[in-house]
């Protein structure tokens, strides 16, 4: 499904046909690698083909009640 219009009022740019929001802290571009049947669900596993992040000083992520830095350098 192609996304061919600008998001109104939100700064964005394009990467390989995908809109990226300028103020996002990170983005991943994935291609479908595998679909696994999980009963009445399907689990889709992606292959990361592009990634970038912005890391301001002191940036950390809260996950399950603890802070961590996902990558030492982006």
N, C-alpha and C. Protein backbone atom coordinates (compact mmCIF):
# COMPACT_ATOMS: atom_id res chain seq x y z
N UNK A 1 0.85 -1.18 0.00
CA UNK A 1 0.00 0.00 0.00
C UNK A 1 0.89 1.24 0.00
N UNK A 2 0.76 2.06 -0.97
CA UNK A 2 1.59 3.26 -1.09
C UNK A 2 0.98 4.42 -0.31
N UNK A 3 1.82 5.19 0.27
CA UNK A 3 1.41 6.38 1.02
C UNK A 3 1.99 7.55 0.25
N UNK A 4 1.16 8.25 -0.50
CA UNK A 4 1.66 9.24 -1.44
C UNK A 4 1.23 10.66 -1.14
N UNK A 5 0.98 10.99 0.10
CA UNK A 5 0.66 12.38 0.41
C UNK A 5 1.32 12.81 1.71
N UNK A 6 1.49 14.10 1.84
CA UNK A 6 2.10 14.67 3.04
C UNK A 6 1.09 14.60 4.18
N UNK A 7 1.56 14.37 5.39
CA UNK A 7 0.70 14.38 6.55
C UNK A 7 0.49 15.82 6.94
N UNK A 8 -0.74 16.25 6.93
CA UNK A 8 -1.05 17.66 7.14
C UNK A 8 -0.55 18.17 8.49
N UNK A 9 0.28 19.22 8.43
CA UNK A 9 0.76 19.88 9.63
C UNK A 9 1.88 19.16 10.37
N UNK A 10 2.39 18.06 9.85
CA UNK A 10 3.45 17.31 10.51
C UNK A 10 4.66 17.27 9.58
N UNK A 11 5.80 17.74 10.08
CA UNK A 11 7.02 17.73 9.28
C UNK A 11 7.47 16.30 9.04
N UNK A 12 7.72 15.97 7.79
CA UNK A 12 8.14 14.62 7.46
C UNK A 12 9.05 14.65 6.23
N UNK A 13 9.69 13.54 5.99
CA UNK A 13 10.53 13.36 4.81
C UNK A 13 10.29 11.95 4.31
N UNK A 14 10.89 11.59 3.19
CA UNK A 14 10.67 10.28 2.58
C UNK A 14 11.95 9.48 2.57
N UNK A 15 11.84 8.18 2.79
CA UNK A 15 12.97 7.26 2.68
C UNK A 15 12.45 5.99 2.03
N UNK A 16 12.92 5.67 0.85
CA UNK A 16 12.51 4.48 0.09
C UNK A 16 10.99 4.33 -0.01
N UNK A 17 10.32 5.45 -0.24
CA UNK A 17 8.87 5.42 -0.40
C UNK A 17 8.08 5.39 0.89
N UNK A 18 8.74 5.56 2.02
CA UNK A 18 8.08 5.54 3.32
C UNK A 18 8.18 6.91 3.97
N UNK A 19 7.08 7.46 4.48
CA UNK A 19 7.18 8.75 5.17
C UNK A 19 7.79 8.56 6.56
N UNK A 20 8.71 9.45 6.91
CA UNK A 20 9.34 9.44 8.23
C UNK A 20 9.01 10.75 8.91
N UNK A 21 8.54 10.70 10.14
CA UNK A 21 8.21 11.90 10.88
C UNK A 21 9.49 12.52 11.42
N UNK A 22 9.70 13.81 11.14
CA UNK A 22 10.94 14.49 11.52
C UNK A 22 11.20 14.49 13.01
N UNK A 23 10.20 14.56 13.85
CA UNK A 23 10.40 14.66 15.29
C UNK A 23 10.40 13.31 16.00
N UNK A 24 10.40 12.22 15.27
CA UNK A 24 10.40 10.91 15.93
C UNK A 24 11.79 10.63 16.51
N UNK A 25 11.84 9.88 17.60
CA UNK A 25 13.13 9.59 18.22
C UNK A 25 13.86 8.46 17.49
N UNK A 26 13.12 7.62 16.78
CA UNK A 26 13.75 6.52 16.03
C UNK A 26 12.77 6.03 14.97
N UNK A 27 13.31 5.36 13.97
CA UNK A 27 12.47 4.71 12.97
C UNK A 27 13.14 3.42 12.49
N UNK A 28 12.30 2.47 12.10
CA UNK A 28 12.73 1.21 11.52
C UNK A 28 12.01 1.03 10.20
N UNK A 29 12.69 0.58 9.18
CA UNK A 29 12.06 0.19 7.93
C UNK A 29 12.24 -1.31 7.82
N UNK A 30 11.14 -2.04 7.72
CA UNK A 30 11.19 -3.50 7.72
C UNK A 30 10.53 -4.08 6.49
N UNK A 31 11.02 -5.23 6.07
CA UNK A 31 10.39 -6.02 5.02
C UNK A 31 9.89 -7.30 5.67
N UNK A 32 8.81 -7.82 5.15
CA UNK A 32 8.26 -9.06 5.70
C UNK A 32 9.23 -10.21 5.44
N UNK A 33 9.65 -10.87 6.50
CA UNK A 33 10.59 -11.99 6.41
C UNK A 33 9.86 -13.33 6.48
N UNK A 34 8.91 -13.43 7.42
CA UNK A 34 8.22 -14.70 7.64
C UNK A 34 6.89 -14.46 8.30
N UNK A 35 5.91 -15.29 7.98
CA UNK A 35 4.62 -15.28 8.67
C UNK A 35 4.48 -16.63 9.36
N UNK A 36 4.23 -16.59 10.67
CA UNK A 36 4.10 -17.81 11.47
C UNK A 36 2.65 -17.94 11.91
N UNK A 37 2.04 -19.08 11.63
CA UNK A 37 0.67 -19.35 12.07
C UNK A 37 0.67 -19.54 13.58
N UNK A 38 -0.19 -18.78 14.25
CA UNK A 38 -0.28 -18.86 15.71
C UNK A 38 -1.74 -19.03 16.11
N UNK A 39 -2.34 -20.11 15.67
CA UNK A 39 -3.75 -20.37 15.99
C UNK A 39 -4.65 -19.42 15.22
N UNK A 40 -5.40 -18.58 15.96
CA UNK A 40 -6.28 -17.63 15.29
C UNK A 40 -5.58 -16.30 15.02
N UNK A 41 -4.25 -16.29 15.12
CA UNK A 41 -3.44 -15.10 14.84
C UNK A 41 -2.34 -15.47 13.85
N UNK A 42 -1.72 -14.47 13.31
CA UNK A 42 -0.53 -14.66 12.49
C UNK A 42 0.55 -13.76 13.05
N UNK A 43 1.72 -14.31 13.27
CA UNK A 43 2.86 -13.56 13.77
C UNK A 43 3.73 -13.20 12.56
N UNK A 44 3.91 -11.91 12.34
CA UNK A 44 4.72 -11.46 11.21
C UNK A 44 6.09 -11.05 11.73
N UNK A 45 7.11 -11.64 11.15
CA UNK A 45 8.49 -11.34 11.54
C UNK A 45 9.11 -10.49 10.43
N UNK A 46 9.67 -9.36 10.84
CA UNK A 46 10.24 -8.44 9.86
C UNK A 46 11.75 -8.50 9.83
N UNK A 47 12.30 -8.16 8.68
CA UNK A 47 13.75 -8.01 8.50
C UNK A 47 14.03 -6.52 8.45
N UNK A 48 14.86 -6.01 9.34
CA UNK A 48 15.15 -4.58 9.37
C UNK A 48 16.04 -4.22 8.19
N UNK A 49 15.59 -3.27 7.41
CA UNK A 49 16.35 -2.84 6.25
C UNK A 49 16.87 -1.42 6.39
N UNK A 50 16.37 -0.71 7.36
CA UNK A 50 16.85 0.64 7.62
C UNK A 50 16.51 1.04 9.04
N UNK A 51 17.38 1.81 9.66
CA UNK A 51 17.17 2.23 11.04
C UNK A 51 17.96 3.51 11.29
N UNK A 52 17.39 4.39 12.07
CA UNK A 52 18.11 5.57 12.53
C UNK A 52 17.46 6.03 13.82
N UNK A 53 18.24 6.69 14.66
CA UNK A 53 17.69 7.27 15.87
C UNK A 53 18.42 8.56 16.18
N UNK A 54 17.74 9.39 16.95
CA UNK A 54 18.33 10.62 17.45
C UNK A 54 18.44 10.44 18.94
N UNK A 55 19.57 10.77 19.49
CA UNK A 55 19.77 10.55 20.92
C UNK A 55 20.24 11.84 21.58
N UNK A 56 19.31 12.62 22.11
CA UNK A 56 19.73 13.81 22.83
C UNK A 56 20.44 13.43 24.13
N UNK A 57 21.24 14.33 24.70
CA UNK A 57 21.95 14.01 25.95
C UNK A 57 20.99 13.52 27.03
N UNK A 58 21.36 12.44 27.69
CA UNK A 58 20.56 11.89 28.78
C UNK A 58 19.37 11.07 28.33
N UNK A 59 19.28 10.77 27.04
CA UNK A 59 18.14 10.04 26.51
C UNK A 59 18.16 8.60 27.00
N UNK A 60 17.04 8.14 27.45
CA UNK A 60 16.89 6.75 27.88
C UNK A 60 15.44 6.34 27.65
N UNK A 61 15.20 5.06 27.66
CA UNK A 61 13.87 4.52 27.44
C UNK A 61 13.38 3.84 28.72
N UNK A 62 12.11 4.04 29.03
CA UNK A 62 11.51 3.37 30.17
C UNK A 62 10.84 2.10 29.67
N UNK A 63 11.22 0.96 30.22
CA UNK A 63 10.64 -0.32 29.84
C UNK A 63 10.51 -1.18 31.09
N UNK A 64 9.28 -1.60 31.38
CA UNK A 64 8.99 -2.43 32.54
C UNK A 64 9.56 -1.85 33.83
N UNK A 65 9.40 -0.54 33.99
CA UNK A 65 9.78 0.12 35.22
C UNK A 65 11.25 0.46 35.37
N UNK A 66 12.07 0.23 34.35
CA UNK A 66 13.50 0.53 34.44
C UNK A 66 13.92 1.33 33.21
N UNK A 67 14.89 2.21 33.39
CA UNK A 67 15.44 2.97 32.27
C UNK A 67 16.65 2.26 31.69
N UNK A 68 16.78 2.33 30.38
CA UNK A 68 17.96 1.78 29.71
C UNK A 68 18.20 2.58 28.44
N UNK A 69 19.40 2.50 27.94
CA UNK A 69 19.74 3.11 26.66
C UNK A 69 19.84 1.98 25.65
N UNK A 70 18.97 1.98 24.63
CA UNK A 70 18.94 0.85 23.70
C UNK A 70 20.24 0.60 22.96
N UNK A 71 20.90 1.65 22.54
CA UNK A 71 22.17 1.52 21.80
C UNK A 71 23.15 2.54 22.37
N UNK A 72 24.39 2.17 22.48
CA UNK A 72 25.37 3.12 22.98
C UNK A 72 25.62 4.24 21.98
N UNK A 73 25.52 3.92 20.70
CA UNK A 73 25.65 4.93 19.66
C UNK A 73 24.69 4.57 18.54
N UNK A 74 24.05 5.58 18.00
CA UNK A 74 23.15 5.35 16.86
C UNK A 74 23.81 5.83 15.60
